[in-house]
N, C-alpha and C. Protein backbone atom coordinates (compact mmCIF):
# COMPACT_ATOMS: atom_id res chain seq x y z
N MET A 1 34.96 -21.45 20.54
CA MET A 1 34.86 -21.99 19.73
C MET A 1 36.32 -22.87 19.49
N LEU A 2 36.40 -24.05 19.39
CA LEU A 2 37.36 -24.97 18.84
C LEU A 2 37.85 -24.84 17.38
N TYR A 3 39.02 -24.75 17.40
CA TYR A 3 39.76 -25.20 16.16
C TYR A 3 40.93 -26.14 15.95
N MET A 4 41.03 -26.86 15.00
CA MET A 4 42.14 -27.22 14.79
C MET A 4 43.33 -26.87 13.83
N VAL A 5 44.33 -26.54 14.45
CA VAL A 5 45.40 -25.99 13.66
C VAL A 5 46.38 -27.10 12.97
N ILE A 6 46.55 -27.36 11.80
CA ILE A 6 47.34 -27.89 11.14
C ILE A 6 48.51 -26.86 10.82
N GLU A 7 49.79 -27.15 11.00
CA GLU A 7 50.94 -26.81 11.05
C GLU A 7 51.82 -27.64 9.70
N ARG A 8 52.31 -27.17 8.61
CA ARG A 8 53.06 -27.72 8.15
C ARG A 8 54.63 -27.21 7.86
N PHE A 9 55.57 -27.94 8.66
CA PHE A 9 56.32 -27.26 8.65
C PHE A 9 57.29 -27.11 7.25
N LYS A 10 57.98 -26.10 7.03
CA LYS A 10 58.75 -25.90 5.64
C LYS A 10 60.22 -26.73 6.04
N GLU A 11 60.49 -26.92 4.72
CA GLU A 11 61.60 -28.02 4.44
C GLU A 11 63.05 -27.93 5.80
N GLY A 12 63.04 -28.70 6.58
CA GLY A 12 64.00 -28.70 7.24
C GLY A 12 64.22 -27.57 8.58
N ALA A 13 63.08 -26.94 8.83
CA ALA A 13 62.32 -26.21 9.81
C ALA A 13 62.46 -26.76 11.10
N ALA A 14 62.01 -27.83 11.24
CA ALA A 14 61.77 -28.42 12.61
C ALA A 14 62.71 -27.98 13.75
N PRO A 15 64.03 -28.07 13.78
CA PRO A 15 65.16 -27.44 14.65
C PRO A 15 64.82 -26.36 15.27
N GLU A 16 64.41 -25.20 13.98
CA GLU A 16 64.33 -23.90 14.27
C GLU A 16 63.24 -23.78 15.21
N ILE A 17 62.20 -24.59 14.66
CA ILE A 17 60.71 -24.46 15.35
C ILE A 17 60.80 -24.83 16.66
N TYR A 18 61.48 -25.92 17.25
CA TYR A 18 61.34 -26.11 18.61
C TYR A 18 62.87 -25.12 19.29
N ARG A 19 63.31 -24.88 18.51
CA ARG A 19 64.53 -23.88 19.22
C ARG A 19 63.95 -22.82 19.59
N ARG A 20 62.73 -22.15 19.01
CA ARG A 20 62.03 -20.74 19.13
C ARG A 20 61.24 -21.03 20.25
N PHE A 21 60.46 -22.20 20.15
CA PHE A 21 59.27 -22.67 20.92
C PHE A 21 60.16 -23.02 22.82
N ARG A 22 61.24 -23.40 22.69
CA ARG A 22 62.09 -23.39 23.81
C ARG A 22 62.31 -21.96 24.34
N GLU A 23 62.46 -21.17 23.64
CA GLU A 23 63.18 -19.86 23.84
C GLU A 23 62.02 -19.13 24.30
N LYS A 24 60.84 -18.81 23.51
CA LYS A 24 59.79 -18.09 23.55
C LYS A 24 58.79 -18.53 23.82
N GLY A 25 58.33 -19.87 23.84
CA GLY A 25 57.15 -20.35 24.28
C GLY A 25 56.19 -20.09 22.94
N ARG A 26 54.90 -20.67 23.04
CA ARG A 26 54.17 -20.39 21.91
C ARG A 26 53.61 -19.04 21.22
N ILE A 27 54.18 -18.18 22.17
CA ILE A 27 53.91 -16.56 21.39
C ILE A 27 52.61 -16.28 21.20
N MET A 28 51.34 -16.96 22.01
CA MET A 28 50.32 -16.97 21.57
C MET A 28 49.56 -15.52 22.30
N PRO A 29 48.84 -14.50 21.72
CA PRO A 29 48.10 -13.66 22.18
C PRO A 29 47.09 -14.03 23.31
N GLU A 30 46.86 -13.08 24.37
CA GLU A 30 45.82 -13.57 25.42
C GLU A 30 44.27 -13.81 24.53
N GLY A 31 43.60 -14.87 24.86
CA GLY A 31 42.41 -15.27 24.28
C GLY A 31 42.55 -16.24 23.33
N LEU A 32 43.61 -16.62 22.96
CA LEU A 32 43.83 -17.93 22.38
C LEU A 32 44.48 -19.04 23.18
N ASP A 33 43.86 -19.90 23.30
CA ASP A 33 44.24 -20.94 24.32
C ASP A 33 44.67 -21.98 23.65
N TYR A 34 45.85 -22.75 24.09
CA TYR A 34 46.12 -24.02 23.59
C TYR A 34 45.33 -24.92 24.33
N VAL A 35 45.07 -26.13 23.39
CA VAL A 35 44.26 -27.07 24.26
C VAL A 35 45.25 -28.51 24.47
N SER A 36 45.79 -28.67 23.08
CA SER A 36 46.69 -29.86 22.85
C SER A 36 46.96 -30.30 21.96
N SER A 37 48.52 -30.76 21.36
CA SER A 37 48.81 -30.95 20.07
C SER A 37 49.30 -32.44 20.12
N TRP A 38 49.84 -32.44 18.70
CA TRP A 38 50.21 -34.04 18.05
C TRP A 38 51.40 -33.86 17.12
N THR A 39 52.43 -34.27 16.93
CA THR A 39 53.46 -34.04 15.95
C THR A 39 53.66 -35.47 14.95
N ASP A 40 53.42 -35.49 13.75
CA ASP A 40 53.80 -36.65 13.29
C ASP A 40 55.11 -37.24 13.47
N LEU A 41 55.47 -38.54 13.17
CA LEU A 41 56.51 -39.03 13.21
C LEU A 41 57.77 -38.30 12.78
N ASP A 42 57.72 -37.62 11.50
CA ASP A 42 58.74 -37.42 10.71
C ASP A 42 58.99 -35.75 10.79
N PHE A 43 58.39 -35.12 12.08
CA PHE A 43 58.55 -33.71 12.02
C PHE A 43 58.21 -32.84 11.02
N LYS A 44 56.95 -33.42 9.97
CA LYS A 44 56.49 -32.15 9.09
C LYS A 44 55.32 -31.71 9.42
N ILE A 45 54.55 -31.91 10.18
CA ILE A 45 53.22 -31.60 10.76
C ILE A 45 52.88 -31.67 12.05
N CYS A 46 52.20 -30.48 12.46
CA CYS A 46 51.97 -30.46 14.14
C CYS A 46 50.57 -30.24 14.10
N TYR A 47 49.40 -30.81 14.79
CA TYR A 47 48.08 -30.76 14.85
C TYR A 47 47.75 -30.10 16.04
N GLN A 48 47.14 -28.91 15.96
CA GLN A 48 46.90 -28.44 17.32
C GLN A 48 45.47 -28.03 17.69
N LEU A 49 45.28 -28.38 18.80
CA LEU A 49 43.52 -27.62 19.03
C LEU A 49 43.80 -26.76 20.06
N MET A 50 43.09 -25.66 19.61
CA MET A 50 43.01 -24.29 20.14
C MET A 50 41.56 -23.84 20.38
N ARG A 51 41.66 -23.11 21.59
CA ARG A 51 39.96 -22.66 21.76
C ARG A 51 40.50 -20.82 21.61
N THR A 52 39.46 -20.20 20.87
CA THR A 52 39.14 -18.71 21.08
C THR A 52 37.73 -18.48 20.72
N GLU A 53 37.33 -17.11 21.20
CA GLU A 53 35.86 -16.63 20.73
C GLU A 53 36.62 -15.46 19.51
N ASP A 54 37.57 -15.48 19.27
CA ASP A 54 38.14 -14.16 18.65
C ASP A 54 39.02 -14.83 17.29
N PHE A 55 38.43 -15.21 16.31
CA PHE A 55 39.21 -15.93 15.31
C PHE A 55 40.57 -14.80 14.85
N THR A 56 40.24 -13.43 14.84
CA THR A 56 41.35 -12.78 14.39
C THR A 56 42.63 -12.87 15.45
N LEU A 57 42.64 -13.27 16.35
CA LEU A 57 43.82 -13.53 17.22
C LEU A 57 44.67 -14.66 16.70
N PHE A 58 44.40 -15.58 15.89
CA PHE A 58 44.99 -16.21 15.00
C PHE A 58 46.25 -15.32 13.97
N ASP A 59 45.92 -14.28 13.55
CA ASP A 59 46.56 -13.51 12.82
C ASP A 59 47.95 -13.46 13.58
N LYS A 60 47.72 -12.53 14.78
CA LYS A 60 48.54 -12.05 15.61
C LYS A 60 49.82 -13.44 15.84
N TRP A 61 49.16 -14.46 16.18
CA TRP A 61 49.99 -15.74 16.64
C TRP A 61 50.57 -16.20 15.26
N ILE A 62 50.21 -16.53 14.12
CA ILE A 62 50.40 -16.98 12.96
C ILE A 62 51.57 -15.92 12.53
N ASP A 63 51.66 -14.41 12.82
CA ASP A 63 52.61 -13.69 12.14
C ASP A 63 53.90 -14.18 12.63
N SER A 64 54.16 -14.73 14.16
CA SER A 64 55.32 -15.34 15.04
C SER A 64 56.08 -16.11 14.36
N TRP A 65 55.20 -17.17 13.53
CA TRP A 65 55.55 -18.56 13.18
C TRP A 65 55.79 -18.77 11.48
N ARG A 66 55.03 -17.70 10.84
CA ARG A 66 54.78 -18.28 9.22
C ARG A 66 56.03 -17.97 8.38
N ASP A 67 57.13 -17.70 9.28
CA ASP A 67 58.77 -18.04 8.43
C ASP A 67 58.95 -19.34 8.54
N LEU A 68 58.63 -20.32 9.44
CA LEU A 68 58.77 -21.46 9.61
C LEU A 68 57.74 -22.46 9.08
N MET A 69 56.56 -22.14 8.96
CA MET A 69 55.45 -23.10 8.64
C MET A 69 54.40 -22.39 8.23
N GLU A 70 53.46 -23.19 7.18
CA GLU A 70 51.99 -22.84 6.72
C GLU A 70 51.08 -23.30 7.66
N PHE A 71 50.03 -22.57 7.62
CA PHE A 71 48.81 -22.97 8.56
C PHE A 71 47.67 -23.27 7.93
N GLU A 72 46.77 -24.38 8.45
CA GLU A 72 45.49 -24.27 7.95
C GLU A 72 44.63 -24.50 9.29
N ILE A 73 43.65 -23.49 9.24
CA ILE A 73 42.83 -23.58 10.87
C ILE A 73 41.32 -23.77 10.33
N VAL A 74 40.84 -24.94 11.15
CA VAL A 74 39.55 -25.44 10.55
C VAL A 74 38.73 -25.70 12.20
N PRO A 75 37.64 -25.11 11.89
CA PRO A 75 36.85 -25.01 13.19
C PRO A 75 36.14 -26.28 13.43
N VAL A 76 36.03 -26.80 14.52
CA VAL A 76 35.46 -28.23 14.85
C VAL A 76 34.81 -28.07 16.28
N ARG A 77 34.10 -29.38 16.35
CA ARG A 77 33.12 -29.41 17.52
C ARG A 77 33.70 -31.14 18.34
N THR A 78 33.54 -31.16 19.42
CA THR A 78 34.00 -31.98 20.20
C THR A 78 32.80 -33.26 19.27
N SER A 79 33.08 -34.46 19.89
CA SER A 79 32.12 -35.61 19.29
C SER A 79 30.79 -35.54 20.01
N ALA A 80 30.75 -35.07 21.63
CA ALA A 80 30.12 -35.28 21.97
C ALA A 80 28.98 -33.99 21.95
N GLU A 81 29.56 -32.77 21.38
CA GLU A 81 28.76 -31.83 20.80
C GLU A 81 27.79 -32.24 19.35
N ALA A 82 28.67 -33.11 18.75
CA ALA A 82 28.05 -33.33 17.78
C ALA A 82 26.88 -34.45 17.96
N VAL A 83 27.10 -35.35 18.60
CA VAL A 83 25.93 -36.30 19.10
C VAL A 83 24.68 -35.61 19.27
N ASP A 84 24.76 -34.14 20.65
CA ASP A 84 23.66 -33.68 20.98
C ASP A 84 23.12 -32.82 19.59
N LEU A 85 23.98 -32.35 18.86
CA LEU A 85 23.45 -31.78 17.43
C LEU A 85 22.35 -32.74 16.81
N MET A 86 22.86 -33.96 16.54
CA MET A 86 22.37 -34.93 15.66
C MET A 86 20.77 -35.47 16.36
N LEU A 87 20.96 -35.48 17.61
CA LEU A 87 19.76 -35.82 18.43
C LEU A 87 18.89 -34.68 18.69
N GLY A 88 19.17 -33.28 18.34
CA GLY A 88 18.30 -32.21 18.37
C GLY A 88 18.31 -31.80 19.82
N ARG A 89 19.37 -32.02 20.70
CA ARG A 89 19.66 -31.73 22.26
C ARG A 89 20.02 -30.21 22.21
N THR A 90 20.36 -29.73 21.17
CA THR A 90 20.79 -28.05 21.46
C THR A 90 20.24 -27.26 20.25
């Protein structure tokens, strides 16, 4: 299943977030897969598309970052999947 993860950086945390990322990577447990991400122009919010079949893996990943940001996790589907559902193809 796909999830849109909205990370809201704590005030002034962007430099530390990027330092940790550079040193340790995403720190994601096996089974939680990164797809793509976008960061706003002010370095306050990052939007990440992730995939997993085990939602509980988010807890392990978030534990490594919660000191620097807050998280919102939203289940999503692709536009193609939405079309198929609306047309009764699935």
